[in-house]
N, C-alpha and C. Protein backbone atom coordinates (compact mmCIF):
# COMPACT_ATOMS: atom_id res chain seq x y z
N MET A 1 -8.82 27.40 -14.19
CA MET A 1 -9.61 26.20 -14.34
C MET A 1 -10.96 26.44 -13.65
N ASN A 2 -12.03 26.25 -14.39
CA ASN A 2 -13.35 26.48 -13.81
C ASN A 2 -13.83 25.23 -13.04
N ASP A 3 -14.97 25.36 -12.40
CA ASP A 3 -15.48 24.26 -11.56
C ASP A 3 -15.79 23.00 -12.36
N ASP A 4 -16.29 23.15 -13.58
CA ASP A 4 -16.60 21.97 -14.40
C ASP A 4 -15.34 21.19 -14.75
N GLU A 5 -14.27 21.89 -15.09
CA GLU A 5 -13.01 21.22 -15.40
C GLU A 5 -12.43 20.56 -14.17
N ARG A 6 -12.50 21.25 -13.03
CA ARG A 6 -12.00 20.66 -11.78
C ARG A 6 -12.78 19.39 -11.43
N LEU A 7 -14.08 19.45 -11.60
CA LEU A 7 -14.91 18.28 -11.31
C LEU A 7 -14.61 17.13 -12.28
N ARG A 8 -14.39 17.44 -13.55
CA ARG A 8 -14.05 16.41 -14.53
C ARG A 8 -12.73 15.74 -14.14
N TRP A 9 -11.74 16.54 -13.79
CA TRP A 9 -10.45 15.98 -13.39
C TRP A 9 -10.56 15.20 -12.08
N ALA A 10 -11.40 15.68 -11.17
CA ALA A 10 -11.59 14.94 -9.91
C ALA A 10 -12.19 13.57 -10.18
N ARG A 11 -13.13 13.50 -11.10
CA ARG A 11 -13.72 12.20 -11.45
C ARG A 11 -12.69 11.27 -12.09
N VAL A 12 -11.89 11.81 -13.00
CA VAL A 12 -10.85 11.01 -13.65
C VAL A 12 -9.85 10.51 -12.61
N LEU A 13 -9.45 11.39 -11.70
CA LEU A 13 -8.48 10.99 -10.68
C LEU A 13 -9.07 9.97 -9.71
N ALA A 14 -10.34 10.09 -9.40
CA ALA A 14 -10.98 9.10 -8.52
C ALA A 14 -10.97 7.73 -9.18
N THR A 15 -11.34 7.66 -10.44
CA THR A 15 -11.32 6.38 -11.16
C THR A 15 -9.91 5.82 -11.24
N THR A 16 -8.95 6.67 -11.57
CA THR A 16 -7.56 6.24 -11.67
C THR A 16 -7.05 5.70 -10.33
N GLY A 17 -7.35 6.41 -9.27
CA GLY A 17 -6.91 5.97 -7.94
C GLY A 17 -7.48 4.61 -7.57
N TRP A 18 -8.76 4.40 -7.84
CA TRP A 18 -9.38 3.11 -7.53
C TRP A 18 -8.75 1.99 -8.34
N VAL A 19 -8.44 2.25 -9.60
CA VAL A 19 -7.83 1.21 -10.45
C VAL A 19 -6.45 0.83 -9.91
N PHE A 20 -5.64 1.81 -9.53
CA PHE A 20 -4.32 1.49 -8.98
C PHE A 20 -4.43 0.79 -7.62
N LEU A 21 -5.40 1.17 -6.82
CA LEU A 21 -5.61 0.48 -5.54
C LEU A 21 -5.97 -0.98 -5.78
N ILE A 22 -6.86 -1.23 -6.73
CA ILE A 22 -7.24 -2.60 -7.05
C ILE A 22 -6.04 -3.38 -7.59
N ALA A 23 -5.20 -2.72 -8.37
CA ALA A 23 -3.99 -3.39 -8.89
C ALA A 23 -3.08 -3.81 -7.73
N TYR A 24 -2.90 -2.94 -6.75
CA TYR A 24 -2.06 -3.30 -5.60
C TYR A 24 -2.70 -4.42 -4.80
N LEU A 25 -4.00 -4.35 -4.59
CA LEU A 25 -4.68 -5.42 -3.85
C LEU A 25 -4.58 -6.75 -4.60
N GLY A 26 -4.51 -6.70 -5.93
CA GLY A 26 -4.27 -7.91 -6.72
C GLY A 26 -2.89 -8.50 -6.43
N VAL A 27 -1.90 -7.63 -6.29
CA VAL A 27 -0.55 -8.10 -5.93
C VAL A 27 -0.59 -8.78 -4.56
N VAL A 28 -1.27 -8.14 -3.61
CA VAL A 28 -1.36 -8.69 -2.26
C VAL A 28 -2.12 -10.02 -2.27
N ALA A 29 -3.21 -10.09 -3.03
CA ALA A 29 -3.97 -11.34 -3.11
C ALA A 29 -3.12 -12.47 -3.69
N GLY A 30 -2.29 -12.16 -4.68
CA GLY A 30 -1.40 -13.17 -5.24
C GLY A 30 -0.38 -13.66 -4.22
N LEU A 31 0.14 -12.75 -3.41
CA LEU A 31 1.09 -13.15 -2.37
C LEU A 31 0.43 -13.99 -1.29
N VAL A 32 -0.78 -13.61 -0.89
CA VAL A 32 -1.50 -14.38 0.12
C VAL A 32 -1.83 -15.77 -0.44
N ARG A 33 -2.22 -15.83 -1.68
CA ARG A 33 -2.52 -17.12 -2.31
C ARG A 33 -1.26 -18.00 -2.36
N ARG A 34 -0.12 -17.39 -2.70
CA ARG A 34 1.13 -18.14 -2.75
C ARG A 34 1.51 -18.64 -1.35
N ALA A 35 1.31 -17.80 -0.33
CA ALA A 35 1.63 -18.20 1.04
C ALA A 35 0.71 -19.33 1.50
N ALA A 36 -0.57 -19.23 1.14
CA ALA A 36 -1.52 -20.28 1.54
C ALA A 36 -1.23 -21.60 0.84
N ALA A 37 -0.68 -21.53 -0.36
CA ALA A 37 -0.38 -22.74 -1.11
C ALA A 37 0.91 -23.41 -0.65
N THR A 38 1.68 -22.73 0.19
CA THR A 38 2.93 -23.30 0.69
C THR A 38 2.59 -24.38 1.71
N THR A 39 2.90 -25.62 1.38
CA THR A 39 2.56 -26.73 2.28
C THR A 39 3.78 -27.41 2.86
N SER A 40 4.90 -27.31 2.17
CA SER A 40 6.11 -27.90 2.71
C SER A 40 7.16 -26.81 2.81
N GLY A 41 7.66 -26.63 4.00
CA GLY A 41 8.60 -25.56 4.24
C GLY A 41 10.00 -25.88 3.73
N SER A 42 10.55 -24.98 2.94
CA SER A 42 11.93 -25.14 2.51
C SER A 42 12.87 -24.37 3.44
N PHE A 43 12.29 -23.59 4.34
CA PHE A 43 13.10 -22.87 5.32
C PHE A 43 13.37 -23.79 6.50
N GLU A 44 14.56 -23.72 7.03
CA GLU A 44 14.90 -24.55 8.18
C GLU A 44 14.14 -24.12 9.43
N ASP A 45 13.68 -22.89 9.45
CA ASP A 45 13.03 -22.36 10.64
C ASP A 45 11.52 -22.48 10.60
N GLY A 46 10.96 -23.18 9.64
CA GLY A 46 9.55 -23.49 9.70
C GLY A 46 8.71 -22.93 8.57
N LEU A 47 7.57 -23.56 8.43
CA LEU A 47 6.62 -23.22 7.38
C LEU A 47 6.00 -21.84 7.59
N TRP A 48 5.65 -21.51 8.84
CA TRP A 48 4.97 -20.23 9.08
C TRP A 48 5.86 -19.04 8.78
N TRP A 49 7.16 -19.14 9.08
CA TRP A 49 8.04 -18.01 8.78
C TRP A 49 8.26 -17.89 7.28
N GLN A 50 8.16 -18.97 6.57
CA GLN A 50 8.23 -18.90 5.11
C GLN A 50 6.99 -18.18 4.58
N ARG A 51 5.84 -18.48 5.15
CA ARG A 51 4.61 -17.79 4.75
C ARG A 51 4.67 -16.31 5.10
N VAL A 52 5.19 -15.99 6.29
CA VAL A 52 5.32 -14.58 6.70
C VAL A 52 6.21 -13.84 5.71
N GLU A 53 7.33 -14.45 5.32
CA GLU A 53 8.21 -13.78 4.37
C GLU A 53 7.53 -13.58 3.03
N THR A 54 6.77 -14.56 2.58
CA THR A 54 6.07 -14.44 1.30
C THR A 54 5.08 -13.28 1.34
N ILE A 55 4.30 -13.19 2.39
CA ILE A 55 3.32 -12.11 2.50
C ILE A 55 4.00 -10.76 2.71
N SER A 56 5.15 -10.77 3.40
CA SER A 56 5.83 -9.50 3.67
C SER A 56 6.35 -8.84 2.40
N PHE A 57 6.39 -9.56 1.30
CA PHE A 57 6.78 -8.92 0.04
C PHE A 57 5.80 -7.81 -0.35
N ALA A 58 4.59 -7.85 0.18
CA ALA A 58 3.63 -6.78 -0.07
C ALA A 58 4.09 -5.45 0.50
N ALA A 59 4.96 -5.50 1.50
CA ALA A 59 5.45 -4.28 2.14
C ALA A 59 6.79 -3.82 1.59
N ARG A 60 7.32 -4.51 0.62
CA ARG A 60 8.60 -4.07 0.03
C ARG A 60 8.35 -2.90 -0.90
N ALA A 61 9.30 -2.02 -0.93
CA ALA A 61 9.17 -0.79 -1.74
C ALA A 61 8.89 -1.10 -3.20
N THR A 62 9.48 -2.16 -3.73
CA THR A 62 9.28 -2.49 -5.14
C THR A 62 7.83 -2.84 -5.45
N ASN A 63 7.12 -3.43 -4.51
CA ASN A 63 5.70 -3.74 -4.72
C ASN A 63 4.81 -2.58 -4.32
N LEU A 64 5.23 -1.82 -3.34
CA LEU A 64 4.42 -0.69 -2.86
C LEU A 64 4.36 0.45 -3.87
N VAL A 65 5.28 0.45 -4.82
CA VAL A 65 5.27 1.47 -5.87
C VAL A 65 3.95 1.43 -6.65
N VAL A 66 3.33 0.27 -6.73
CA VAL A 66 2.05 0.14 -7.44
C VAL A 66 0.97 0.98 -6.75
N LEU A 67 1.07 1.17 -5.45
CA LEU A 67 0.08 1.94 -4.70
C LEU A 67 0.32 3.45 -4.79
N THR A 68 1.51 3.86 -5.15
CA THR A 68 1.86 5.28 -5.19
C THR A 68 0.95 6.10 -6.11
N PRO A 69 0.64 5.66 -7.33
CA PRO A 69 -0.28 6.45 -8.15
C PRO A 69 -1.67 6.58 -7.54
N ALA A 70 -2.11 5.59 -6.79
CA ALA A 70 -3.42 5.70 -6.12
C ALA A 70 -3.39 6.82 -5.10
N VAL A 71 -2.29 6.91 -4.36
CA VAL A 71 -2.16 7.99 -3.38
C VAL A 71 -2.14 9.34 -4.09
N ALA A 72 -1.34 9.44 -5.14
CA ALA A 72 -1.23 10.70 -5.88
C ALA A 72 -2.59 11.12 -6.45
N ALA A 73 -3.30 10.18 -7.05
CA ALA A 73 -4.60 10.50 -7.62
C ALA A 73 -5.59 10.90 -6.55
N ALA A 74 -5.59 10.21 -5.42
CA ALA A 74 -6.52 10.54 -4.34
C ALA A 74 -6.22 11.91 -3.75
N VAL A 75 -4.96 12.20 -3.53
CA VAL A 75 -4.59 13.48 -2.91
C VAL A 75 -4.88 14.64 -3.86
N VAL A 76 -4.42 14.54 -5.10
CA VAL A 76 -4.63 15.63 -6.05
C VAL A 76 -6.12 15.80 -6.34
N GLY A 77 -6.83 14.70 -6.54
CA GLY A 77 -8.27 14.80 -6.79
C GLY A 77 -9.01 15.43 -5.62
N THR A 78 -8.62 15.09 -4.41
CA THR A 78 -9.26 15.66 -3.23
C THR A 78 -9.00 17.16 -3.14
N ILE A 79 -7.78 17.56 -3.42
CA ILE A 79 -7.45 18.98 -3.38
C ILE A 79 -8.21 19.74 -4.46
N MET A 80 -8.32 19.16 -5.66
CA MET A 80 -9.02 19.84 -6.75
C MET A 80 -10.52 19.96 -6.49
N ALA A 81 -11.09 19.00 -5.80
CA ALA A 81 -12.54 18.96 -5.64
C ALA A 81 -13.00 19.36 -4.25
N ARG A 82 -12.13 19.93 -3.46
CA ARG A 82 -12.49 20.16 -2.05
C ARG A 82 -13.69 21.07 -1.86
N ALA A 83 -13.93 22.02 -2.75
CA ALA A 83 -15.06 22.93 -2.57
C ALA A 83 -16.30 22.48 -3.33
N LEU A 84 -16.21 21.39 -4.04
CA LEU A 84 -17.31 20.92 -4.87
C LEU A 84 -18.08 19.82 -4.16
N VAL A 85 -19.37 19.78 -4.37
CA VAL A 85 -20.19 18.71 -3.81
C VAL A 85 -20.67 17.86 -4.97
N ASP A 86 -20.15 16.65 -5.01
CA ASP A 86 -20.45 15.76 -6.12
C ASP A 86 -20.13 14.34 -5.68
N PRO A 87 -20.74 13.34 -6.31
CA PRO A 87 -20.38 11.97 -5.97
C PRO A 87 -18.89 11.67 -6.14
N ALA A 88 -18.22 12.37 -7.07
CA ALA A 88 -16.78 12.16 -7.25
C ALA A 88 -16.03 12.54 -5.99
N VAL A 89 -16.50 13.58 -5.31
CA VAL A 89 -15.85 14.01 -4.07
C VAL A 89 -16.00 12.93 -3.01
N LEU A 90 -17.18 12.31 -2.95
CA LEU A 90 -17.39 11.25 -1.98
C LEU A 90 -16.53 10.03 -2.30
N ARG A 91 -16.40 9.70 -3.59
CA ARG A 91 -15.53 8.58 -3.98
C ARG A 91 -14.07 8.88 -3.64
N LEU A 92 -13.67 10.13 -3.80
CA LEU A 92 -12.30 10.51 -3.46
C LEU A 92 -12.06 10.41 -1.96
N ARG A 93 -13.04 10.84 -1.18
CA ARG A 93 -12.90 10.74 0.28
C ARG A 93 -12.78 9.28 0.71
N GLN A 94 -13.60 8.41 0.13
CA GLN A 94 -13.50 6.98 0.43
C GLN A 94 -12.16 6.42 -0.03
N LEU A 95 -11.72 6.84 -1.21
CA LEU A 95 -10.45 6.36 -1.74
C LEU A 95 -9.30 6.76 -0.82
N VAL A 96 -9.30 8.00 -0.37
CA VAL A 96 -8.24 8.46 0.53
C VAL A 96 -8.21 7.62 1.80
N ARG A 97 -9.37 7.35 2.36
CA ARG A 97 -9.44 6.57 3.60
C ARG A 97 -9.00 5.11 3.38
N ILE A 98 -9.42 4.52 2.29
CA ILE A 98 -9.07 3.13 2.03
C ILE A 98 -7.59 2.99 1.71
N VAL A 99 -7.05 3.93 0.94
CA VAL A 99 -5.61 3.89 0.65
C VAL A 99 -4.81 4.06 1.94
N ALA A 100 -5.22 4.98 2.80
CA ALA A 100 -4.53 5.16 4.08
C ALA A 100 -4.64 3.89 4.92
N GLY A 101 -5.81 3.28 4.95
CA GLY A 101 -5.97 2.03 5.70
C GLY A 101 -5.11 0.92 5.14
N THR A 102 -5.01 0.84 3.82
CA THR A 102 -4.14 -0.15 3.18
C THR A 102 -2.69 0.09 3.59
N CYS A 103 -2.30 1.35 3.65
CA CYS A 103 -0.92 1.67 4.06
C CYS A 103 -0.68 1.29 5.52
N TYR A 104 -1.67 1.44 6.37
CA TYR A 104 -1.52 0.99 7.76
C TYR A 104 -1.30 -0.53 7.80
N VAL A 105 -2.04 -1.26 6.98
CA VAL A 105 -1.86 -2.71 6.91
C VAL A 105 -0.45 -3.04 6.41
N VAL A 106 0.03 -2.29 5.43
CA VAL A 106 1.40 -2.49 4.93
C VAL A 106 2.41 -2.26 6.05
N LEU A 107 2.17 -1.27 6.90
CA LEU A 107 3.07 -1.03 8.03
C LEU A 107 3.14 -2.24 8.94
N VAL A 108 2.00 -2.83 9.23
CA VAL A 108 1.96 -4.01 10.10
C VAL A 108 2.66 -5.19 9.42
N ILE A 109 2.36 -5.40 8.14
CA ILE A 109 2.99 -6.51 7.41
C ILE A 109 4.51 -6.33 7.38
N GLY A 110 4.96 -5.12 7.13
CA GLY A 110 6.39 -4.85 7.11
C GLY A 110 7.04 -5.08 8.46
N ALA A 111 6.37 -4.64 9.52
CA ALA A 111 6.91 -4.85 10.87
C ALA A 111 6.99 -6.33 11.21
N VAL A 112 5.97 -7.10 10.85
CA VAL A 112 5.99 -8.55 11.09
C VAL A 112 7.11 -9.20 10.28
N GLY A 113 7.30 -8.73 9.05
CA GLY A 113 8.38 -9.26 8.23
C GLY A 113 9.75 -8.99 8.83
N ILE A 114 9.92 -7.80 9.41
CA ILE A 114 11.19 -7.48 10.06
C ILE A 114 11.39 -8.33 11.31
N VAL A 115 10.33 -8.51 12.08
CA VAL A 115 10.43 -9.38 13.26
C VAL A 115 10.79 -10.79 12.82
N GLY A 116 10.25 -11.24 11.71
CA GLY A 116 10.54 -12.58 11.20
C GLY A 116 12.01 -12.79 10.88
N ILE A 117 12.71 -11.72 10.54
CA ILE A 117 14.14 -11.83 10.25
C ILE A 117 14.89 -12.38 11.46
N PHE A 118 14.47 -11.96 12.64
CA PHE A 118 15.18 -12.35 13.86
C PHE A 118 14.86 -13.77 14.31
N PHE A 119 13.83 -14.39 13.73
CA PHE A 119 13.43 -15.74 14.12
C PHE A 119 13.88 -16.82 13.14
N ARG A 120 14.59 -16.43 12.13
CA ARG A 120 15.06 -17.45 11.20
C ARG A 120 16.57 -17.57 11.29
N ASN A 121 17.08 -18.57 10.62
CA ASN A 121 18.53 -18.78 10.64
C ASN A 121 19.24 -17.59 10.01
N PRO A 122 20.33 -17.15 10.62
CA PRO A 122 21.00 -15.95 10.14
C PRO A 122 21.58 -16.10 8.74
N ASP A 123 21.39 -15.06 7.95
CA ASP A 123 21.97 -14.97 6.61
C ASP A 123 22.28 -13.49 6.40
N SER A 124 23.53 -13.11 6.59
CA SER A 124 23.87 -11.69 6.63
C SER A 124 23.52 -10.95 5.35
N VAL A 125 23.71 -11.55 4.20
CA VAL A 125 23.41 -10.89 2.94
C VAL A 125 21.90 -10.85 2.69
N GLY A 126 21.24 -11.99 2.80
CA GLY A 126 19.80 -12.06 2.56
C GLY A 126 19.00 -11.26 3.57
N ASP A 127 19.39 -11.32 4.84
CA ASP A 127 18.66 -10.60 5.88
C ASP A 127 18.78 -9.09 5.69
N ALA A 128 19.95 -8.62 5.31
CA ALA A 128 20.12 -7.18 5.08
C ALA A 128 19.24 -6.72 3.92
N SER A 129 19.19 -7.51 2.87
CA SER A 129 18.37 -7.17 1.72
C SER A 129 16.89 -7.11 2.09
N VAL A 130 16.43 -8.11 2.83
CA VAL A 130 15.03 -8.12 3.26
C VAL A 130 14.75 -6.94 4.19
N PHE A 131 15.64 -6.70 5.13
CA PHE A 131 15.45 -5.61 6.08
C PHE A 131 15.34 -4.27 5.37
N PHE A 132 16.28 -3.97 4.48
CA PHE A 132 16.26 -2.68 3.80
C PHE A 132 15.09 -2.56 2.83
N GLY A 133 14.71 -3.66 2.20
CA GLY A 133 13.53 -3.63 1.34
C GLY A 133 12.26 -3.35 2.11
N LEU A 134 12.13 -3.99 3.27
CA LEU A 134 10.94 -3.76 4.11
C LEU A 134 10.95 -2.36 4.71
N MET A 135 12.12 -1.90 5.14
CA MET A 135 12.19 -0.54 5.71
C MET A 135 11.84 0.51 4.66
N GLY A 136 12.28 0.29 3.42
CA GLY A 136 11.90 1.20 2.34
C GLY A 136 10.40 1.23 2.14
N GLY A 137 9.78 0.06 2.18
CA GLY A 137 8.32 -0.01 2.04
C GLY A 137 7.60 0.62 3.22
N ILE A 138 8.11 0.41 4.42
CA ILE A 138 7.50 1.01 5.61
C ILE A 138 7.59 2.53 5.52
N LEU A 139 8.73 3.05 5.13
CA LEU A 139 8.88 4.50 5.01
C LEU A 139 7.97 5.07 3.92
N MET A 140 7.82 4.35 2.81
CA MET A 140 6.89 4.79 1.76
C MET A 140 5.46 4.79 2.30
N ALA A 141 5.09 3.77 3.06
CA ALA A 141 3.74 3.69 3.60
C ALA A 141 3.48 4.83 4.59
N ILE A 142 4.48 5.17 5.39
CA ILE A 142 4.33 6.29 6.33
C ILE A 142 4.10 7.58 5.55
N ALA A 143 4.88 7.80 4.49
CA ALA A 143 4.70 9.01 3.67
C ALA A 143 3.31 9.04 3.03
N MET A 144 2.84 7.89 2.55
CA MET A 144 1.53 7.83 1.93
C MET A 144 0.42 8.10 2.93
N VAL A 145 0.55 7.56 4.14
CA VAL A 145 -0.44 7.83 5.18
C VAL A 145 -0.48 9.31 5.50
N ARG A 146 0.69 9.92 5.61
CA ARG A 146 0.76 11.35 5.92
C ARG A 146 0.06 12.18 4.85
N LEU A 147 0.30 11.87 3.58
CA LEU A 147 -0.37 12.58 2.49
C LEU A 147 -1.88 12.37 2.52
N CYS A 148 -2.30 11.15 2.75
CA CYS A 148 -3.74 10.85 2.79
C CYS A 148 -4.42 11.56 3.94
N LEU A 149 -3.80 11.56 5.11
CA LEU A 149 -4.39 12.25 6.26
C LEU A 149 -4.52 13.75 6.01
N GLU A 150 -3.51 14.32 5.39
CA GLU A 150 -3.57 15.76 5.08
C GLU A 150 -4.62 16.05 4.03
N ALA A 151 -4.74 15.20 3.02
CA ALA A 151 -5.77 15.39 1.99
C ALA A 151 -7.16 15.27 2.60
N GLU A 152 -7.35 14.32 3.50
CA GLU A 152 -8.68 14.17 4.12
C GLU A 152 -9.00 15.36 5.01
N ARG A 153 -8.00 15.90 5.65
CA ARG A 153 -8.20 17.06 6.51
C ARG A 153 -8.62 18.27 5.71
N SER A 154 -8.17 18.38 4.46
CA SER A 154 -8.46 19.56 3.65
C SER A 154 -9.88 19.54 3.07
N VAL A 155 -10.54 18.39 3.13
CA VAL A 155 -11.90 18.30 2.55
C VAL A 155 -12.92 18.84 3.51
């Protein structure tokens, strides 16, 4: 693969990564909007913990899967374009940093969601499901951060 082809693919991957990142941020915005619209708590333990649980869905593995292609595109594009100097390389570097930052936020959201489990009324089946869903998302976010940090280091 020559430099022109690598640069073309780096540009395509940069665009693809940004689109998937925006798609995930759309999911998060919808969850935040839903949490903000919650005015009457149906949880016995309060309105705020209901909002925390709603937002913590952003850290569940099933929703975090939307961010995975952004990570893949950013990492592969960065590796392909590491020796090239082009605006695509700069967009990829920004994409890698923003995706990693988003994953750090997911880690915090997931941790708060897990803490929230201990402050609500016990439900052995529901709590286990929430816990394992959040732990799956946290582990995915850790893996994504690791990939992004390594990709940024290689540039």
